[in-house]
């Protein structure tokens, strides 16, 4: 089992043992943490392109995904507003593949509408949520767009498992801002911060945001990506089934 508590620079490959901690709350990111967003997005992109008469070829998803990540990073850093991000990623994508779309806004809307109808979970997510439900209070914290997040949570039925769901677009702030986490903290009725665990795939949005606010953080890193940006989570896991050990449910 790979669980790494509080890694320090220069000793990332060291073996650790630790005493499990008990948390009152676990706040999960949605996309790339509980939901396999890439699988849903790749299918929705292909179908939307075909509906507009644009041939979909190998490599298109990888190109779009790269452009989308750049736009999302700018959005999360406050360098681009939501509406610009929504359409610019497609404009840049079509420019690079040499395709034309009459109305980018219509294309973007159709793409987004297709996402909730293709909900795929990260391996072990449903089993984890069912195991945690009733033992610890659960929340969703997401920068994802409301028109995708809300319908998907309802259609899969997992909305009933969460005590709070905080969608950035609905409150006017986003992770990793203090304002976003302050709003979330108030929704939780302000528990002790050391009893809150944030789990997410983003070192910036989830780990930095949670750590800066005083929460314990867990970086979900299934691809064993290198952490070279100086943001240190309290825990690093490569699979969701390690979470119960961290919170002490199977200690």
Protein backbone atom coordinates (compact mmCIF):
# COMPACT_ATOMS: atom_id res chain seq x y z
CA UNK A 1 0.00 0.00 0.00
CA UNK A 2 1.37 3.40 -0.92
CA UNK A 3 0.49 6.09 1.61
CA UNK A 4 3.11 8.74 2.20
CA UNK A 5 2.58 11.11 5.13
CA UNK A 6 4.13 14.58 5.14
CA UNK A 7 6.88 14.12 2.57
CA UNK A 8 9.94 16.30 3.00
CA UNK A 9 12.24 17.48 0.22
CA UNK A 10 14.95 14.96 -0.59
CA UNK A 11 13.39 11.93 1.13
CA UNK A 12 10.41 11.21 -1.12
CA UNK A 13 11.42 7.55 -1.57
CA UNK A 14 11.65 6.79 2.14
CA UNK A 15 9.32 4.23 3.78
CA UNK A 16 7.01 5.57 6.48
CA UNK A 17 4.72 4.22 9.16
CA UNK A 18 2.06 6.35 10.76
CA UNK A 19 -0.79 6.31 13.24
CA UNK A 20 -4.16 6.63 11.48
CA UNK A 21 -5.95 9.91 12.07
CA UNK A 22 -9.67 10.25 12.64
CA UNK A 23 -11.43 12.99 10.68
CA UNK A 24 -14.93 14.33 11.08
CA UNK A 25 -15.13 15.57 7.48
CA UNK A 26 -13.69 14.51 4.14
CA UNK A 27 -13.94 16.98 1.26
CA UNK A 28 -13.50 15.40 -2.16
CA UNK A 29 -12.69 17.06 -5.42
CA UNK A 30 -14.94 15.72 -8.19
CA UNK A 31 -13.20 15.48 -11.58
CA UNK A 32 -10.11 13.26 -11.74
CA UNK A 33 -10.66 12.29 -8.09
CA UNK A 34 -14.08 10.62 -7.93
CA UNK A 35 -15.11 10.93 -11.58
CA UNK A 36 -13.16 9.83 -14.65
CA UNK A 37 -13.65 13.15 -16.40
CA UNK A 38 -11.30 12.38 -19.28
CA UNK A 39 -13.32 9.38 -20.41
CA UNK A 40 -16.57 11.35 -20.32
CA UNK A 41 -15.03 14.36 -22.04
CA UNK A 42 -13.38 12.34 -24.81
CA UNK A 43 -16.72 10.72 -25.69
CA UNK A 44 -18.63 13.99 -25.55
CA UNK A 45 -16.06 15.76 -27.72
CA UNK A 46 -16.19 13.03 -30.36
CA UNK A 47 -20.01 12.99 -30.46
CA UNK A 48 -20.29 16.78 -30.58
CA UNK A 49 -17.74 17.01 -33.39
CA UNK A 50 -19.61 14.38 -35.38
CA UNK A 51 -22.92 16.19 -34.87
CA UNK A 52 -21.33 19.27 -36.45
CA UNK A 53 -19.98 17.28 -39.37
CA UNK A 54 -16.36 17.38 -38.21
CA UNK A 55 -14.37 14.16 -38.57
CA UNK A 56 -12.79 12.95 -35.34
CA UNK A 57 -9.30 11.50 -35.67
CA UNK A 58 -6.77 9.88 -33.37
CA UNK A 59 -4.90 12.55 -31.49
CA UNK A 60 -7.78 15.03 -31.39
CA UNK A 61 -8.64 14.26 -27.78
CA UNK A 62 -5.02 14.57 -26.64
CA UNK A 63 -4.70 17.93 -28.39
CA UNK A 64 -7.97 19.27 -26.99
CA UNK A 65 -7.13 18.00 -23.51
CA UNK A 66 -3.80 19.83 -23.57
CA UNK A 67 -5.48 23.07 -24.66
CA UNK A 68 -8.25 22.60 -22.10
CA UNK A 69 -5.78 22.13 -19.23
CA UNK A 70 -4.01 25.35 -20.20
CA UNK A 71 -7.29 27.27 -20.27
CA UNK A 72 -8.46 25.76 -16.98
CA UNK A 73 -5.18 26.69 -15.32
CA UNK A 74 -5.63 30.29 -16.48
CA UNK A 75 -9.22 30.20 -15.22
CA UNK A 76 -8.22 28.90 -11.78
CA UNK A 77 -5.44 31.49 -11.53
CA UNK A 78 -7.86 34.32 -12.30
CA UNK A 79 -6.27 35.06 -15.67
CA UNK A 80 -9.38 34.14 -17.67
CA UNK A 81 -13.06 34.40 -16.87
CA UNK A 82 -15.48 31.48 -17.04
CA UNK A 83 -17.24 32.47 -20.26
CA UNK A 84 -13.98 33.02 -22.10
CA UNK A 85 -12.61 29.69 -20.93
CA UNK A 86 -15.81 27.91 -22.01
CA UNK A 87 -15.38 28.83 -25.66
CA UNK A 88 -11.72 29.79 -26.16
CA UNK A 89 -10.54 26.22 -25.65
CA UNK A 90 -12.65 25.11 -28.60
CA UNK A 91 -11.64 28.06 -30.77
CA UNK A 92 -7.97 27.21 -30.21
CA UNK A 93 -8.61 23.52 -30.82
CA UNK A 94 -10.43 24.06 -34.12
CA UNK A 95 -7.78 26.51 -35.25
CA UNK A 96 -5.09 23.89 -34.73
CA UNK A 97 -6.93 21.09 -36.53
CA UNK A 98 -8.04 23.38 -39.36
CA UNK A 99 -11.78 22.99 -38.79
CA UNK A 100 -14.54 25.58 -38.69
CA UNK A 101 -17.65 25.74 -36.51
CA UNK A 102 -20.40 28.23 -37.26
CA UNK A 103 -21.19 28.94 -33.61
CA UNK A 104 -18.61 28.09 -30.94
CA UNK A 105 -21.08 28.85 -28.15
CA UNK A 106 -23.54 26.28 -29.46
CA UNK A 107 -20.75 23.71 -29.80
CA UNK A 108 -19.54 24.39 -26.24
CA UNK A 109 -23.07 24.08 -24.85
CA UNK A 110 -23.69 20.78 -26.62
CA UNK A 111 -20.37 19.43 -25.39
CA UNK A 112 -21.19 20.37 -21.80
CA UNK A 113 -24.69 18.92 -22.05
CA UNK A 114 -23.17 15.61 -23.11
CA UNK A 115 -20.89 15.28 -20.10
CA UNK A 116 -23.47 14.44 -17.38
CA UNK A 117 -24.97 11.71 -19.57
CA UNK A 118 -21.62 9.89 -19.56
CA UNK A 119 -20.73 9.55 -15.87
CA UNK A 120 -17.76 7.33 -15.21
CA UNK A 121 -16.23 6.82 -11.79
CA UNK A 122 -12.60 6.45 -10.85
CA UNK A 123 -11.86 2.87 -9.87
CA UNK A 124 -13.00 2.28 -6.29
CA UNK A 125 -14.87 5.58 -5.89
CA UNK A 126 -18.36 4.14 -5.32
CA UNK A 127 -17.08 1.50 -2.90
CA UNK A 128 -15.17 4.18 -0.99
CA UNK A 129 -18.13 6.55 -0.70
CA UNK A 130 -20.42 3.77 0.50
CA UNK A 131 -17.84 2.70 3.09
CA UNK A 132 -17.37 6.25 4.37
CA UNK A 133 -21.04 7.26 4.36
CA UNK A 134 -22.38 7.25 7.91
CA UNK A 135 -18.90 7.09 9.43
CA UNK A 136 -17.67 10.55 8.46
CA UNK A 137 -19.37 13.58 6.96
CA UNK A 138 -18.71 14.05 3.26
CA UNK A 139 -18.48 17.02 0.95
CA UNK A 140 -17.83 17.75 -2.71
CA UNK A 141 -15.64 20.76 -3.52
CA UNK A 142 -15.32 21.42 -7.23
CA UNK A 143 -14.26 24.10 -9.67
CA UNK A 144 -16.23 22.28 -12.36
CA UNK A 145 -19.09 24.02 -14.14
CA UNK A 146 -22.47 23.81 -12.39
CA UNK A 147 -24.26 22.66 -15.54
CA UNK A 148 -22.07 19.56 -15.51
CA UNK A 149 -21.56 18.87 -11.80
CA UNK A 150 -25.11 19.07 -10.47
CA UNK A 151 -26.83 16.92 -13.13
CA UNK A 152 -24.08 14.29 -12.95
CA UNK A 153 -24.26 13.97 -9.17
CA UNK A 154 -28.03 13.61 -9.32
CA UNK A 155 -28.08 11.18 -12.26
CA UNK A 156 -25.59 8.87 -10.53
CA UNK A 157 -27.41 9.11 -7.21
CA UNK A 158 -24.28 9.96 -5.24
CA UNK A 159 -25.59 13.41 -4.32
CA UNK A 160 -27.43 11.76 -1.42
CA UNK A 161 -24.11 10.65 0.09
CA UNK A 162 -22.80 14.20 0.57
CA UNK A 163 -23.63 16.62 3.35
CA UNK A 164 -22.45 19.62 1.33
CA UNK A 165 -21.76 20.25 -2.36
CA UNK A 166 -19.84 23.42 -3.17
CA UNK A 167 -19.59 24.35 -6.87
CA UNK A 168 -17.35 27.30 -7.63
CA UNK A 169 -19.57 28.79 -10.32
CA UNK A 170 -22.48 28.99 -7.89
CA UNK A 171 -20.65 31.02 -5.24
CA UNK A 172 -18.44 33.33 -7.31
CA UNK A 173 -15.09 32.02 -6.08
CA UNK A 174 -12.99 28.96 -6.74
CA UNK A 175 -10.28 26.80 -5.29
CA UNK A 176 -7.60 27.53 -4.14
CA UNK A 177 -8.89 30.91 -2.92
CA UNK A 178 -9.42 31.54 0.78
CA UNK A 179 -12.90 32.84 -0.05
CA UNK A 180 -13.90 29.48 -1.54
CA UNK A 181 -12.67 27.53 1.47
CA UNK A 182 -14.19 30.02 3.92
CA UNK A 183 -17.58 29.50 2.25
CA UNK A 184 -17.11 25.74 2.43
CA UNK A 185 -16.07 25.99 6.09
CA UNK A 186 -19.23 27.92 6.92
CA UNK A 187 -21.36 25.32 5.13
CA UNK A 188 -19.77 22.72 7.41
CA UNK A 189 -20.71 24.78 10.51
CA UNK A 190 -17.03 25.48 11.17
CA UNK A 191 -15.65 22.22 12.64
CA UNK A 192 -12.12 21.96 13.99
CA UNK A 193 -9.86 22.42 10.98
CA UNK A 194 -7.54 19.56 11.95
CA UNK A 195 -10.55 17.26 11.68
CA UNK A 196 -11.08 18.07 8.00
CA UNK A 197 -9.35 16.12 5.22
CA UNK A 198 -9.23 17.45 1.64
CA UNK A 199 -8.70 14.83 -1.09
CA UNK A 200 -7.97 15.90 -4.64
CA UNK A 201 -5.77 15.47 -7.68
CA UNK A 202 -4.71 19.12 -8.01
CA UNK A 203 -1.68 20.26 -6.03
CA UNK A 204 -2.71 23.87 -6.54
CA UNK A 205 -6.51 23.89 -6.22
CA UNK A 206 -6.94 21.12 -3.64
CA UNK A 207 -3.69 20.71 -1.73
CA UNK A 208 -2.50 24.31 -1.62
CA UNK A 209 -6.02 25.65 -1.12
CA UNK A 210 -6.78 23.22 1.67
CA UNK A 211 -3.38 23.55 3.37
CA UNK A 212 -3.42 27.34 3.28
CA UNK A 213 -6.80 27.27 5.01
CA UNK A 214 -5.55 24.94 7.73
CA UNK A 215 -7.06 21.64 6.59
CA UNK A 216 -5.19 18.35 6.30
CA UNK A 217 -4.63 17.42 2.67
CA UNK A 218 -4.29 14.24 0.64
CA UNK A 219 -2.97 14.33 -2.92
CA UNK A 220 -4.58 11.71 -5.15
CA UNK A 221 -1.78 10.85 -7.56
CA UNK A 222 -2.63 7.63 -9.41
CA UNK A 223 -0.14 8.31 -12.20
CA UNK A 224 2.75 8.86 -9.76
CA UNK A 225 3.35 12.31 -11.22
CA UNK A 226 6.38 14.20 -9.98
CA UNK A 227 5.71 16.90 -7.41
CA UNK A 228 8.16 19.62 -8.44
CA UNK A 229 6.24 22.76 -7.49
CA UNK A 230 7.00 22.92 -3.77
CA UNK A 231 3.46 22.24 -2.53
CA UNK A 232 3.55 19.54 0.14
CA UNK A 233 0.43 17.49 0.97
CA UNK A 234 0.06 15.67 4.27
CA UNK A 235 -0.61 12.40 2.46
CA UNK A 236 -0.04 11.05 -1.04
CA UNK A 237 -2.05 8.08 -2.33
CA UNK A 238 -2.13 6.29 -5.66
CA UNK A 239 -5.52 4.61 -5.18
CA UNK A 240 -8.75 5.59 -3.42
CA UNK A 241 -8.94 2.42 -1.35
CA UNK A 242 -6.16 3.81 0.86
CA UNK A 243 -8.45 6.53 2.26
CA UNK A 244 -10.08 4.38 5.00
CA UNK A 245 -6.65 3.65 6.48
CA UNK A 246 -5.92 7.37 6.69
CA UNK A 247 -9.17 8.19 8.48
CA UNK A 248 -8.83 5.16 10.74
CA UNK A 249 -11.82 3.12 9.61
CA UNK A 250 -9.83 -0.08 9.16
CA UNK A 251 -7.08 0.58 11.67
